Amino acid sequence: MLMVITYRYNMISECNLELLNLKTKLNTVQSNLAATAMNVEQNTDLSKVEAIAKQKLGMQKPDKNQVVYIDTSKDSNIIKENNTNIFQQVVQKIKEFVNNIK
Protein backbone atom coordinates (compact mmCIF):
# COMPACT_ATOMS: atom_id res chain seq x y z
CA MET A 1 0.00 0.00 0.00
CA LEU A 2 2.90 2.31 0.77
CA MET A 3 4.25 1.77 -2.79
CA VAL A 4 0.92 2.85 -4.28
CA ILE A 5 0.81 5.99 -2.15
CA THR A 6 4.42 6.84 -3.01
CA TYR A 7 3.79 6.23 -6.71
CA ARG A 8 0.66 8.39 -6.63
CA TYR A 9 2.53 11.16 -4.80
CA ASN A 10 5.27 10.98 -7.44
CA MET A 11 2.70 11.26 -10.25
CA ILE A 12 1.07 14.28 -8.60
CA SER A 13 4.48 15.95 -8.16
CA GLU A 14 5.31 15.41 -11.85
CA CYS A 15 1.96 16.86 -12.90
CA ASN A 16 2.50 19.89 -10.66
CA LEU A 17 5.97 20.40 -12.10
CA GLU A 18 4.61 20.18 -15.65
CA LEU A 19 1.84 22.64 -14.71
CA LEU A 20 4.41 25.06 -13.33
CA ASN A 21 6.48 24.80 -16.53
CA LEU A 22 3.41 25.41 -18.67
CA LYS A 23 2.44 28.45 -16.59
CA THR A 24 5.95 29.83 -17.03
CA LYS A 25 5.75 29.33 -20.80
CA LEU A 26 2.30 30.95 -20.84
CA ASN A 27 3.60 34.00 -19.00
CA THR A 28 6.51 34.27 -21.44
CA VAL A 29 4.22 34.02 -24.45
CA GLN A 30 1.80 36.57 -22.98
CA SER A 31 4.60 39.04 -22.33
CA ASN A 32 5.89 38.54 -25.89
CA LEU A 33 2.36 39.09 -27.19
CA ALA A 34 1.99 42.29 -25.19
CA ALA A 35 5.36 43.55 -26.45
CA THR A 36 4.41 42.72 -30.04
CA ALA A 37 1.04 44.45 -29.67
CA MET A 38 2.76 47.55 -28.32
CA ASN A 39 5.25 47.43 -31.19
CA VAL A 40 2.41 47.17 -33.72
CA GLU A 41 0.64 50.15 -32.14
CA GLN A 42 3.80 52.22 -32.26
CA ASN A 43 4.52 51.30 -35.88
CA THR A 44 0.97 52.01 -37.04
CA ASP A 45 0.90 55.54 -35.69
CA LEU A 46 -0.44 57.59 -38.60
CA SER A 47 2.06 60.41 -38.18
CA LYS A 48 4.92 57.89 -38.28
CA VAL A 49 3.45 56.17 -41.35
CA GLU A 50 3.11 59.56 -43.05
CA ALA A 51 6.72 60.46 -42.19
CA ILE A 52 8.00 57.15 -43.61
CA ALA A 53 5.91 57.61 -46.75
CA LYS A 54 7.34 61.09 -47.30
CA GLN A 55 10.96 60.32 -46.42
CA LYS A 56 11.58 56.81 -47.68
CA LEU A 57 9.04 56.51 -50.47
CA GLY A 58 9.01 60.12 -51.65
CA MET A 59 5.23 60.31 -51.44
CA GLN A 60 3.30 63.51 -50.98
CA LYS A 61 -0.29 64.54 -50.40
CA PRO A 62 -2.23 65.16 -53.63
CA ASP A 63 -2.78 68.70 -54.84
CA LYS A 64 -6.28 70.11 -55.28
CA ASN A 65 -6.13 69.51 -59.02
CA GLN A 66 -5.16 65.84 -58.51
CA VAL A 67 -8.21 64.95 -56.43
CA VAL A 68 -11.23 63.60 -58.30
CA TYR A 69 -14.52 63.23 -56.49
CA ILE A 70 -16.97 60.60 -57.71
CA ASP A 71 -20.69 60.69 -56.99
CA THR A 72 -21.54 57.14 -55.96
CA SER A 73 -25.20 57.70 -55.12
CA LYS A 74 -26.28 56.79 -58.68
CA ASP A 75 -23.64 54.09 -59.17
CA SER A 76 -24.69 52.13 -56.09
CA ASN A 77 -28.13 51.42 -57.61
CA ILE A 78 -26.58 50.23 -60.83
CA ILE A 79 -24.22 47.91 -58.98
CA LYS A 80 -27.08 46.38 -57.01
CA GLU A 81 -29.06 45.79 -60.17
CA ASN A 82 -26.08 44.21 -61.89
CA ASN A 83 -25.37 41.97 -58.90
CA THR A 84 -28.98 40.84 -58.89
CA ASN A 85 -28.82 40.10 -62.59
CA ILE A 86 -25.58 38.19 -62.21
CA PHE A 87 -27.04 36.25 -59.29
CA GLN A 88 -30.13 35.41 -61.30
CA GLN A 89 -27.97 34.32 -64.21
CA VAL A 90 -25.94 32.03 -61.97
CA VAL A 91 -29.09 30.50 -60.51
CA GLN A 92 -30.50 30.01 -64.02
CA LYS A 93 -27.30 28.28 -65.18
CA ILE A 94 -27.36 25.98 -62.17
CA LYS A 95 -30.98 25.09 -62.86
CA GLU A 96 -30.16 24.36 -66.49
CA PHE A 97 -27.23 22.18 -65.44
CA VAL A 98 -29.38 20.24 -62.98
CA ASN A 99 -32.09 19.75 -65.60
CA ASN A 100 -29.55 18.46 -68.13
CA ILE A 101 -28.25 15.91 -65.62
CA LYS A 102 -31.75 14.51 -65.02
PDB file of N, CA and C in Angstrom:
ATOM      1  N   MET A   1       0.810  -1.184   0.000  1.00  0.00           N
ATOM      2  CA  MET A   1       0.000   0.000   0.000  1.00  0.00           C
ATOM      3  C   MET A   1       0.862   1.260   0.000  1.00  0.00           C
ATOM      4  N   LEU A   2       1.981   1.192   0.719  1.00  0.00           N
ATOM      5  CA  LEU A   2       2.902   2.310   0.773  1.00  0.00           C
ATOM      6  C   LEU A   2       3.484   2.611  -0.610  1.00  0.00           C
ATOM      7  N   MET A   3       3.732   1.586  -1.421  1.00  0.00           N
ATOM      8  CA  MET A   3       4.248   1.768  -2.785  1.00  0.00           C
ATOM      9  C   MET A   3       3.238   2.525  -3.647  1.00  0.00           C
ATOM     10  N   VAL A   4       1.972   2.192  -3.500  1.00  0.00           N
ATOM     11  CA  VAL A   4       0.917   2.853  -4.282  1.00  0.00           C
ATOM     12  C   VAL A   4       0.828   4.318  -3.890  1.00  0.00           C
ATOM     13  N   ILE A   5       0.879   4.604  -2.624  1.00  0.00           N
ATOM     14  CA  ILE A   5       0.811   5.991  -2.155  1.00  0.00           C
ATOM     15  C   ILE A   5       2.025   6.769  -2.639  1.00  0.00           C
ATOM     16  N   THR A   6       3.201   6.174  -2.549  1.00  0.00           N
ATOM     17  CA  THR A   6       4.424   6.837  -3.012  1.00  0.00           C
ATOM     18  C   THR A   6       4.369   7.078  -4.518  1.00  0.00           C
ATOM     19  N   TYR A   7       3.911   6.081  -5.262  1.00  0.00           N
ATOM     20  CA  TYR A   7       3.792   6.227  -6.712  1.00  0.00           C
ATOM     21  C   TYR A   7       2.806   7.343  -7.053  1.00  0.00           C
ATOM     22  N   ARG A   8       1.673   7.364  -6.372  1.00  0.00           N
ATOM     23  CA  ARG A   8       0.659   8.390  -6.634  1.00  0.00           C
ATOM     24  C   ARG A   8       1.204   9.772  -6.297  1.00  0.00           C
ATOM     25  N   TYR A   9       1.919   9.895  -5.184  1.00  0.00           N
ATOM     26  CA  TYR A   9       2.525  11.163  -4.804  1.00  0.00           C
ATOM     27  C   TYR A   9       3.527  11.623  -5.863  1.00  0.00           C
ATOM     28  N   ASN A  10       4.299  10.677  -6.391  1.00  0.00           N
ATOM     29  CA  ASN A  10       5.266  10.980  -7.439  1.00  0.00           C
ATOM     30  C   ASN A  10       4.560  11.490  -8.700  1.00  0.00           C
ATOM     31  N   MET A  11       3.460  10.849  -9.059  1.00  0.00           N
ATOM     32  CA  MET A  11       2.703  11.263 -10.250  1.00  0.00           C
ATOM     33  C   MET A  11       2.131  12.668 -10.070  1.00  0.00           C
ATOM     34  N   ILE A  12       1.616  12.959  -8.883  1.00  0.00           N
ATOM     35  CA  ILE A  12       1.073  14.285  -8.597  1.00  0.00           C
ATOM     36  C   ILE A  12       2.178  15.332  -8.656  1.00  0.00           C
ATOM     37  N   SER A  13       3.350  15.014  -8.133  1.00  0.00           N
ATOM     38  CA  SER A  13       4.478  15.948  -8.164  1.00  0.00           C
ATOM     39  C   SER A  13       4.909  16.237  -9.601  1.00  0.00           C
ATOM     40  N   GLU A  14       4.954  15.213 -10.439  1.00  0.00           N
ATOM     41  CA  GLU A  14       5.313  15.411 -11.848  1.00  0.00           C
ATOM     42  C   GLU A  14       4.284  16.280 -12.560  1.00  0.00           C
ATOM     43  N   CYS A  15       3.015  16.043 -12.281  1.00  0.00           N
ATOM     44  CA  CYS A  15       1.958  16.858 -12.900  1.00  0.00           C
ATOM     45  C   CYS A  15       2.051  18.311 -12.446  1.00  0.00           C
ATOM     46  N   ASN A  16       2.335  18.518 -11.159  1.00  0.00           N
ATOM     47  CA  ASN A  16       2.495  19.889 -10.655  1.00  0.00           C
ATOM     48  C   ASN A  16       3.699  20.574 -11.287  1.00  0.00           C
ATOM     49  N   LEU A  17       4.786  19.846 -11.461  1.00  0.00           N
ATOM     50  CA  LEU A  17       5.968  20.399 -12.104  1.00  0.00           C
ATOM     51  C   LEU A  17       5.674  20.771 -13.552  1.00  0.00           C
ATOM     52  N   GLU A  18       4.974  19.893 -14.255  1.00  0.00           N
ATOM     53  CA  GLU A  18       4.608  20.176 -15.645  1.00  0.00           C
ATOM     54  C   GLU A  18       3.686  21.389 -15.711  1.00  0.00           C
ATOM     55  N   LEU A  19       2.746  21.491 -14.772  1.00  0.00           N
ATOM     56  CA  LEU A  19       1.840  22.638 -14.714  1.00  0.00           C
ATOM     57  C   LEU A  19       2.613  23.928 -14.482  1.00  0.00           C
ATOM     58  N   LEU A  20       3.578  23.890 -13.608  1.00  0.00           N
ATOM     59  CA  LEU A  20       4.405  25.061 -13.330  1.00  0.00           C
ATOM     60  C   LEU A  20       5.189  25.474 -14.572  1.00  0.00           C
ATOM     61  N   ASN A  21       5.754  24.495 -15.288  1.00  0.00           N
ATOM     62  CA  ASN A  21       6.481  24.803 -16.530  1.00  0.00           C
ATOM     63  C   ASN A  21       5.558  25.411 -17.582  1.00  0.00           C
ATOM     64  N   LEU A  22       4.355  24.875 -17.700  1.00  0.00           N
ATOM     65  CA  LEU A  22       3.405  25.414 -18.670  1.00  0.00           C
ATOM     66  C   LEU A  22       2.969  26.828 -18.302  1.00  0.00           C
ATOM     67  N   LYS A  23       2.789  27.091 -17.018  1.00  0.00           N
ATOM     68  CA  LYS A  23       2.439  28.446 -16.586  1.00  0.00           C
ATOM     69  C   LYS A  23       3.556  29.423 -16.902  1.00  0.00           C
ATOM     70  N   THR A  24       4.796  28.984 -16.705  1.00  0.00           N
ATOM     71  CA  THR A  24       5.947  29.835 -17.025  1.00  0.00           C
ATOM     72  C   THR A  24       5.988  30.138 -18.520  1.00  0.00           C
ATOM     73  N   LYS A  25       5.771  29.122 -19.348  1.00  0.00           N
ATOM     74  CA  LYS A  25       5.751  29.330 -20.797  1.00  0.00           C
ATOM     75  C   LYS A  25       4.613  30.262 -21.188  1.00  0.00           C
ATOM     76  N   LEU A  26       3.446  30.094 -20.554  1.00  0.00           N
ATOM     77  CA  LEU A  26       2.302  30.948 -20.845  1.00  0.00           C
ATOM     78  C   LEU A  26       2.612  32.401 -20.517  1.00  0.00           C
ATOM     79  N   ASN A  27       3.230  32.633 -19.376  1.00  0.00           N
ATOM     80  CA  ASN A  27       3.601  34.004 -19.001  1.00  0.00           C
ATOM     81  C   ASN A  27       4.590  34.599 -19.998  1.00  0.00           C
ATOM     82  N   THR A  28       5.534  33.790 -20.456  1.00  0.00           N
ATOM     83  CA  THR A  28       6.507  34.266 -21.436  1.00  0.00           C
ATOM     84  C   THR A  28       5.820  34.627 -22.741  1.00  0.00           C
ATOM     85  N   VAL A  29       4.939  33.768 -23.197  1.00  0.00           N
ATOM     86  CA  VAL A  29       4.219  34.023 -24.453  1.00  0.00           C
ATOM     87  C   VAL A  29       3.331  35.250 -24.315  1.00  0.00           C
ATOM     88  N   GLN A  30       2.662  35.404 -23.178  1.00  0.00           N
ATOM     89  CA  GLN A  30       1.799  36.568 -22.977  1.00  0.00           C
ATOM     90  C   GLN A  30       2.605  37.856 -22.950  1.00  0.00           C
ATOM     91  N   SER A  31       3.771  37.833 -22.341  1.00  0.00           N
ATOM     92  CA  SER A  31       4.599  39.041 -22.325  1.00  0.00           C
ATOM     93  C   SER A  31       5.118  39.355 -23.727  1.00  0.00           C
ATOM     94  N   ASN A  32       5.474  38.317 -24.507  1.00  0.00           N
ATOM     95  CA  ASN A  32       5.892  38.543 -25.888  1.00  0.00           C
ATOM     96  C   ASN A  32       4.742  39.103 -26.717  1.00  0.00           C
ATOM     97  N   LEU A  33       3.532  38.593 -26.483  1.00  0.00           N
ATOM     98  CA  LEU A  33       2.358  39.087 -27.195  1.00  0.00           C
ATOM     99  C   LEU A  33       2.091  40.548 -26.864  1.00  0.00           C
ATOM    100  N   ALA A  34       2.201  40.901 -25.601  1.00  0.00           N
ATOM    101  CA  ALA A  34       1.991  42.288 -25.195  1.00  0.00           C
ATOM    102  C   ALA A  34       3.049  43.201 -25.816  1.00  0.00           C
ATOM    103  N   ALA A  35       4.297  42.742 -25.840  1.00  0.00           N
ATOM    104  CA  ALA A  35       5.362  43.545 -26.446  1.00  0.00           C
ATOM    105  C   ALA A  35       5.131  43.714 -27.943  1.00  0.00           C
ATOM    106  N   THR A  36       4.690  42.649 -28.598  1.00  0.00           N
ATOM    107  CA  THR A  36       4.414  42.720 -30.036  1.00  0.00           C
ATOM    108  C   THR A  36       3.236  43.646 -30.311  1.00  0.00           C
ATOM    109  N   ALA A  37       2.202  43.573 -29.490  1.00  0.00           N
ATOM    110  CA  ALA A  37       1.042  44.450 -29.670  1.00  0.00           C
ATOM    111  C   ALA A  37       1.439  45.910 -29.498  1.00  0.00           C
ATOM    112  N   MET A  38       2.294  46.190 -28.511  1.00  0.00           N
ATOM    113  CA  MET A  38       2.763  47.554 -28.320  1.00  0.00           C
ATOM    114  C   MET A  38       3.602  48.004 -29.508  1.00  0.00           C
ATOM    115  N   ASN A  39       4.422  47.115 -30.035  1.00  0.00           N
ATOM    116  CA  ASN A  39       5.249  47.427 -31.193  1.00  0.00           C
ATOM    117  C   ASN A  39       4.376  47.730 -32.411  1.00  0.00           C
ATOM    118  N   VAL A  40       3.319  46.953 -32.589  1.00  0.00           N
ATOM    119  CA  VAL A  40       2.408  47.175 -33.716  1.00  0.00           C
ATOM    120  C   VAL A  40       1.724  48.523 -33.570  1.00  0.00           C
ATOM    121  N   GLU A  41       1.284  48.861 -32.361  1.00  0.00           N
ATOM    122  CA  GLU A  41       0.639  50.151 -32.141  1.00  0.00           C
ATOM    123  C   GLU A  41       1.592  51.303 -32.432  1.00  0.00           C
ATOM    124  N   GLN A  42       2.830  51.156 -32.029  1.00  0.00           N
ATOM    125  CA  GLN A  42       3.802  52.220 -32.265  1.00  0.00           C
ATOM    126  C   GLN A  42       4.111  52.362 -33.755  1.00  0.00           C
ATOM    127  N   ASN A  43       4.176  51.242 -34.471  1.00  0.00           N
ATOM    128  CA  ASN A  43       4.517  51.301 -35.885  1.00  0.00           C
ATOM    129  C   ASN A  43       3.344  51.679 -36.771  1.00  0.00           C
ATOM    130  N   THR A  44       2.125  51.628 -36.235  1.00  0.00           N
ATOM    131  CA  THR A  44       0.974  52.011 -37.044  1.00  0.00           C
ATOM    132  C   THR A  44       0.466  53.401 -36.687  1.00  0.00           C
ATOM    133  N   ASP A  45       1.248  54.153 -35.974  1.00  0.00           N
ATOM    134  CA  ASP A  45       0.902  55.538 -35.686  1.00  0.00           C
ATOM    135  C   ASP A  45       0.861  56.291 -37.014  1.00  0.00           C
ATOM    136  N   LEU A  46      -0.252  56.967 -37.292  1.00  0.00           N
ATOM    137  CA  LEU A  46      -0.439  57.589 -38.600  1.00  0.00           C
ATOM    138  C   LEU A  46       0.615  58.643 -38.917  1.00  0.00           C
ATOM    139  N   SER A  47       1.043  59.391 -37.918  1.00  0.00           N
ATOM    140  CA  SER A  47       2.060  60.409 -38.181  1.00  0.00           C
ATOM    141  C   SER A  47       3.386  59.748 -38.564  1.00  0.00           C
ATOM    142  N   LYS A  48       3.692  58.603 -37.939  1.00  0.00           N
ATOM    143  CA  LYS A  48       4.921  57.888 -38.277  1.00  0.00           C
ATOM    144  C   LYS A  48       4.826  57.281 -39.677  1.00  0.00           C
ATOM    145  N   VAL A  49       3.654  56.728 -40.012  1.00  0.00           N
ATOM    146  CA  VAL A  49       3.453  56.168 -41.349  1.00  0.00           C
ATOM    147  C   VAL A  49       3.587  57.267 -42.397  1.00  0.00           C
ATOM    148  N   GLU A  50       3.012  58.433 -42.108  1.00  0.00           N
ATOM    149  CA  GLU A  50       3.113  59.555 -43.046  1.00  0.00           C
ATOM    150  C   GLU A  50       4.569  60.001 -43.207  1.00  0.00           C
ATOM    151  N   ALA A  51       5.310  60.057 -42.115  1.00  0.00           N
ATOM    152  CA  ALA A  51       6.717  60.464 -42.192  1.00  0.00           C
ATOM    153  C   ALA A  51       7.523  59.471 -43.011  1.00  0.00           C
ATOM    154  N   ILE A  52       7.286  58.166 -42.825  1.00  0.00           N
ATOM    155  CA  ILE A  52       8.004  57.153 -43.610  1.00  0.00           C
ATOM    156  C   ILE A  52       7.637  57.261 -45.082  1.00  0.00           C
ATOM    157  N   ALA A  53       6.343  57.488 -45.362  1.00  0.00           N
ATOM    158  CA  ALA A  53       5.906  57.612 -46.752  1.00  0.00           C
ATOM    159  C   ALA A  53       6.567  58.801 -47.429  1.00  0.00           C
ATOM    160  N   LYS A  54       6.711  59.900 -46.707  1.00  0.00           N
ATOM    161  CA  LYS A  54       7.336  61.087 -47.298  1.00  0.00           C
ATOM    162  C   LYS A  54       8.849  60.920 -47.444  1.00  0.00           C
ATOM    163  N   GLN A  55       9.502  60.386 -46.417  1.00  0.00           N
ATOM    164  CA  GLN A  55      10.959  60.319 -46.415  1.00  0.00           C
ATOM    165  C   GLN A  55      11.494  59.170 -47.261  1.00  0.00           C
ATOM    166  N   LYS A  56      11.013  57.966 -47.005  1.00  0.00           N
ATOM    167  CA  LYS A  56      11.580  56.807 -47.681  1.00  0.00           C
ATOM    168  C   LYS A  56      10.992  56.575 -49.064  1.00  0.00           C
ATOM    169  N   LEU A  57       9.694  56.819 -49.205  1.00  0.00           N
ATOM    170  CA  LEU A  57       9.036  56.508 -50.474  1.00  0.00           C
ATOM    171  C   LEU A  57       8.841  57.722 -51.366  1.00  0.00           C
ATOM    172  N   GLY A  58       9.134  58.913 -50.843  1.00  0.00           N
ATOM    173  CA  GLY A  58       9.013  60.122 -51.651  1.00  0.00           C
ATOM    174  C   GLY A  58       7.564  60.475 -51.988  1.00  0.00           C
ATOM    175  N   MET A  59       6.648  60.035 -51.191  1.00  0.00           N
ATOM    176  CA  MET A  59       5.232  60.314 -51.442  1.00  0.00           C
ATOM    177  C   MET A  59       4.882  61.697 -50.921  1.00  0.00           C
ATOM    178  N   GLN A  60       3.800  62.232 -51.447  1.00  0.00           N
ATOM    179  CA  GLN A  60       3.304  63.510 -50.983  1.00  0.00           C
ATOM    180  C   GLN A  60       1.790  63.518 -51.075  1.00  0.00           C
ATOM    181  N   LYS A  61       1.165  64.440 -50.341  1.00  0.00           N
ATOM    182  CA  LYS A  61      -0.289  64.537 -50.398  1.00  0.00           C
ATOM    183  C   LYS A  61      -0.685  65.110 -51.757  1.00  0.00           C
ATOM    184  N   PRO A  62      -1.820  64.679 -52.308  1.00  0.00           N
ATOM    185  CA  PRO A  62      -2.225  65.165 -53.627  1.00  0.00           C
ATOM    186  C   PRO A  62      -2.624  66.633 -53.583  1.00  0.00           C
ATOM    187  N   ASP A  63      -2.361  67.312 -54.697  1.00  0.00           N
ATOM    188  CA  ASP A  63      -2.784  68.704 -54.837  1.00  0.00           C
ATOM    189  C   ASP A  63      -4.286  68.747 -55.097  1.00  0.00           C
ATOM    190  N   LYS A  64      -4.845  69.964 -55.049  1.00  0.00           N
ATOM    191  CA  LYS A  64      -6.280  70.107 -55.279  1.00  0.00           C
ATOM    192  C   LYS A  64      -6.676  69.661 -56.677  1.00  0.00           C
ATOM    193  N   ASN A  65      -5.788  69.890 -57.650  1.00  0.00           N
ATOM    194  CA  ASN A  65      -6.125  69.515 -59.024  1.00  0.00           C
ATOM    195  C   ASN A  65      -5.935  68.015 -59.288  1.00  0.00           C
ATOM    196  N   GLN A  66      -5.350  67.272 -58.357  1.00  0.00           N
ATOM    197  CA  GLN A  66      -5.160  65.838 -58.514  1.00  0.00           C
ATOM    198  C   GLN A  66      -6.287  65.017 -57.899  1.00  0.00           C
ATOM    199  N   VAL A  67      -7.133  65.656 -57.110  1.00  0.00           N
ATOM    200  CA  VAL A  67      -8.209  64.951 -56.429  1.00  0.00           C
ATOM    201  C   VAL A  67      -9.437  64.932 -57.320  1.00  0.00           C
ATOM    202  N   VAL A  68     -10.009  63.746 -57.508  1.00  0.00           N
ATOM    203  CA  VAL A  68     -11.226  63.595 -58.302  1.00  0.00           C
ATOM    204  C   VAL A  68     -12.295  63.003 -57.392  1.00  0.00           C
ATOM    205  N   TYR A  69     -13.418  63.700 -57.300  1.00  0.00           N
ATOM    206  CA  TYR A  69     -14.524  63.228 -56.487  1.00  0.00           C
ATOM    207  C   TYR A  69     -15.531  62.525 -57.387  1.00  0.00           C
ATOM    208  N   ILE A  70     -16.033  61.395 -56.926  1.00  0.00           N
ATOM    209  CA  ILE A  70     -16.972  60.598 -57.706  1.00  0.00           C
ATOM    210  C   ILE A  70     -18.277  60.502 -56.930  1.00  0.00           C
ATOM    211  N   ASP A  71     -19.378  60.808 -57.594  1.00  0.00           N
ATOM    212  CA  ASP A  71     -20.694  60.694 -56.987  1.00  0.00           C
ATOM    213  C   ASP A  71     -21.138  59.246 -57.096  1.00  0.00           C
ATOM    214  N   THR A  72     -21.199  58.569 -55.954  1.00  0.00           N
ATOM    215  CA  THR A  72     -21.540  57.143 -55.963  1.00  0.00           C
ATOM    216  C   THR A  72     -23.009  56.883 -55.662  1.00  0.00           C
ATOM    217  N   SER A  73     -23.789  57.928 -55.459  1.00  0.00           N
ATOM    218  CA  SER A  73     -25.196  57.698 -55.122  1.00  0.00           C
ATOM    219  C   SER A  73     -25.935  57.040 -56.281  1.00  0.00           C
ATOM    220  N   LYS A  74     -25.629  57.403 -57.516  1.00  0.00           N
ATOM    221  CA  LYS A  74     -26.279  56.791 -58.676  1.00  0.00           C
ATOM    222  C   LYS A  74     -25.642  55.446 -59.001  1.00  0.00           C
ATOM    223  N   ASP A  75     -24.346  55.326 -58.831  1.00  0.00           N
ATOM    224  CA  ASP A  75     -23.638  54.094 -59.169  1.00  0.00           C
ATOM    225  C   ASP A  75     -24.041  52.938 -58.265  1.00  0.00           C
ATOM    226  N   SER A  76     -24.372  53.210 -57.003  1.00  0.00           N
ATOM    227  CA  SER A  76     -24.693  52.126 -56.085  1.00  0.00           C
ATOM    228  C   SER A  76     -25.943  51.374 -56.537  1.00  0.00           C
ATOM    229  N   ASN A  77     -26.928  52.085 -57.105  1.00  0.00           N
ATOM    230  CA  ASN A  77     -28.134  51.421 -57.608  1.00  0.00           C
ATOM    231  C   ASN A  77     -27.816  50.533 -58.790  1.00  0.00           C
ATOM    232  N   ILE A  78     -26.948  51.009 -59.650  1.00  0.00           N
ATOM    233  CA  ILE A  78     -26.578  50.226 -60.831  1.00  0.00           C
ATOM    234  C   ILE A  78     -25.842  48.955 -60.415  1.00  0.00           C
ATOM    235  N   ILE A  79     -24.975  49.080 -59.445  1.00  0.00           N
ATOM    236  CA  ILE A  79     -24.219  47.912 -58.985  1.00  0.00           C
ATOM    237  C   ILE A  79     -25.163  46.873 -58.385  1.00  0.00           C
ATOM    238  N   LYS A  80     -26.135  47.322 -57.597  1.00  0.00           N
ATOM    239  CA  LYS A  80     -27.081  46.381 -57.006  1.00  0.00           C
ATOM    240  C   LYS A  80     -27.875  45.668 -58.088  1.00  0.00           C
ATOM    241  N   GLU A  81     -28.302  46.418 -59.094  1.00  0.00           N
ATOM    242  CA  GLU A  81     -29.064  45.787 -60.175  1.00  0.00           C
ATOM    243  C   GLU A  81     -28.208  44.780 -60.921  1.00  0.00           C
ATOM    244  N   ASN A  82     -26.960  45.139 -61.186  1.00  0.00           N
ATOM    245  CA  ASN A  82     -26.077  44.214 -61.891  1.00  0.00           C
ATOM    246  C   ASN A  82     -25.806  42.965 -61.062  1.00  0.00           C
ATOM    247  N   ASN A  83     -25.607  43.133 -59.756  1.00  0.00           N
ATOM    248  CA  ASN A  83     -25.372  41.972 -58.904  1.00  0.00           C
ATOM    249  C   ASN A  83     -26.586  41.056 -58.891  1.00  0.00           C
ATOM    250  N   THR A  84     -27.766  41.652 -58.876  1.00  0.00           N
ATOM    251  CA  THR A  84     -28.980  40.844 -58.893  1.00  0.00           C
ATOM    252  C   THR A  84     -29.067  40.084 -60.203  1.00  0.00           C
ATOM    253  N   ASN A  85     -28.761  40.759 -61.293  1.00  0.00           N
ATOM    254  CA  ASN A  85     -28.822  40.095 -62.593  1.00  0.00           C
ATOM    255  C   ASN A  85     -27.797  38.964 -62.674  1.00  0.00           C
ATOM    256  N   ILE A  86     -26.621  39.217 -62.178  1.00  0.00           N
ATOM    257  CA  ILE A  86     -25.580  38.188 -62.206  1.00  0.00           C
ATOM    258  C   ILE A  86     -26.009  37.014 -61.333  1.00  0.00           C
ATOM    259  N   PHE A  87     -26.577  37.313 -60.174  1.00  0.00           N
ATOM    260  CA  PHE A  87     -27.037  36.252 -59.291  1.00  0.00           C
ATOM    261  C   PHE A  87     -28.135  35.435 -59.969  1.00  0.00           C
ATOM    262  N   GLN A  88     -29.056  36.119 -60.605  1.00  0.00           N
ATOM    263  CA  GLN A  88     -30.134  35.412 -61.304  1.00  0.00           C
ATOM    264  C   GLN A  88     -29.576  34.564 -62.441  1.00  0.00           C
ATOM    265  N   GLN A  89     -28.575  35.079 -63.122  1.00  0.00           N
ATOM    266  CA  GLN A  89     -27.972  34.315 -64.214  1.00  0.00           C
ATOM    267  C   GLN A  89     -27.288  33.053 -63.687  1.00  0.00           C
ATOM    268  N   VAL A  90     -26.611  33.184 -62.561  1.00  0.00           N
ATOM    269  CA  VAL A  90     -25.936  32.030 -61.971  1.00  0.00           C
ATOM    270  C   VAL A  90     -26.963  30.982 -61.558  1.00  0.00           C
ATOM    271  N   VAL A  91     -28.047  31.430 -60.925  1.00  0.00           N
ATOM    272  CA  VAL A  91     -29.095  30.496 -60.514  1.00  0.00           C
ATOM    273  C   VAL A  91     -29.692  29.809 -61.736  1.00  0.00           C
ATOM    274  N   GLN A  92     -29.934  30.575 -62.787  1.00  0.00           N
ATOM    275  CA  GLN A  92     -30.502  30.005 -64.017  1.00  0.00           C
ATOM    276  C   GLN A  92     -29.562  28.957 -64.615  1.00  0.00           C
ATOM    277  N   LYS A  93     -28.273  29.241 -64.636  1.00  0.00           N
ATOM    278  CA  LYS A  93     -27.303  28.279 -65.183  1.00  0.00           C
ATOM    279  C   LYS A  93     -27.264  27.004 -64.348  1.00  0.00           C
ATOM    280  N   ILE A  94     -27.358  27.153 -63.034  1.00  0.00           N
ATOM    281  CA  ILE A  94     -27.358  25.976 -62.171  1.00  0.00           C
ATOM    282  C   ILE A  94     -28.612  25.143 -62.425  1.00  0.00           C
ATOM    283  N   LYS A  95     -29.740  25.811 -62.566  1.00  0.00           N
ATOM    284  CA  LYS A  95     -30.985  25.090 -62.858  1.00  0.00           C
ATOM    285  C   LYS A  95     -30.891  24.352 -64.177  1.00  0.00           C
ATOM    286  N   GLU A  96     -30.326  24.994 -65.191  1.00  0.00           N
ATOM    287  CA  GLU A  96     -30.159  24.357 -66.493  1.00  0.00           C
ATOM    288  C   GLU A  96     -29.243  23.155 -66.379  1.00  0.00           C
ATOM    289  N   PHE A  97     -28.168  23.287 -65.621  1.00  0.00           N
ATOM    290  CA  PHE A  97     -27.227  22.179 -65.440  1.00  0.00           C
ATOM    291  C   PHE A  97     -27.909  21.001 -64.745  1.00  0.00           C
ATOM    292  N   VAL A  98     -28.691  21.293 -63.709  1.00  0.00           N
ATOM    293  CA  VAL A  98     -29.375  20.241 -62.979  1.00  0.00           C
ATOM    294  C   VAL A  98     -30.414  19.549 -63.887  1.00  0.00           C
ATOM    295  N   ASN A  99     -31.100  20.329 -64.693  1.00  0.00           N
ATOM    296  CA  ASN A  99     -32.090  19.751 -65.599  1.00  0.00           C
ATOM    297  C   ASN A  99     -31.430  18.879 -66.672  1.00  0.00           C
ATOM    298  N   ASN A 100     -30.265  19.245 -67.124  1.00  0.00           N
ATOM    299  CA  ASN A 100     -29.545  18.462 -68.132  1.00  0.00           C
ATOM    300  C   ASN A 100     -29.043  17.130 -67.542  1.00  0.00           C
ATOM    301  N   ILE A 101     -28.726  17.131 -66.266  1.00  0.00           N
ATOM    302  CA  ILE A 101     -28.252  15.909 -65.621  1.00  0.00           C
ATOM    303  C   ILE A 101     -29.405  14.901 -65.497  1.00  0.00           C
ATOM    304  N   LYS A 102     -30.579  15.389 -65.198  1.00  0.00           N
ATOM    305  CA  LYS A 102     -31.752  14.507 -65.021  1.00  0.00           C
ATOM    306  C   LYS A 102     -32.086  13.916 -66.346  1.00  0.00           C
TER     307      LYS A 102
END
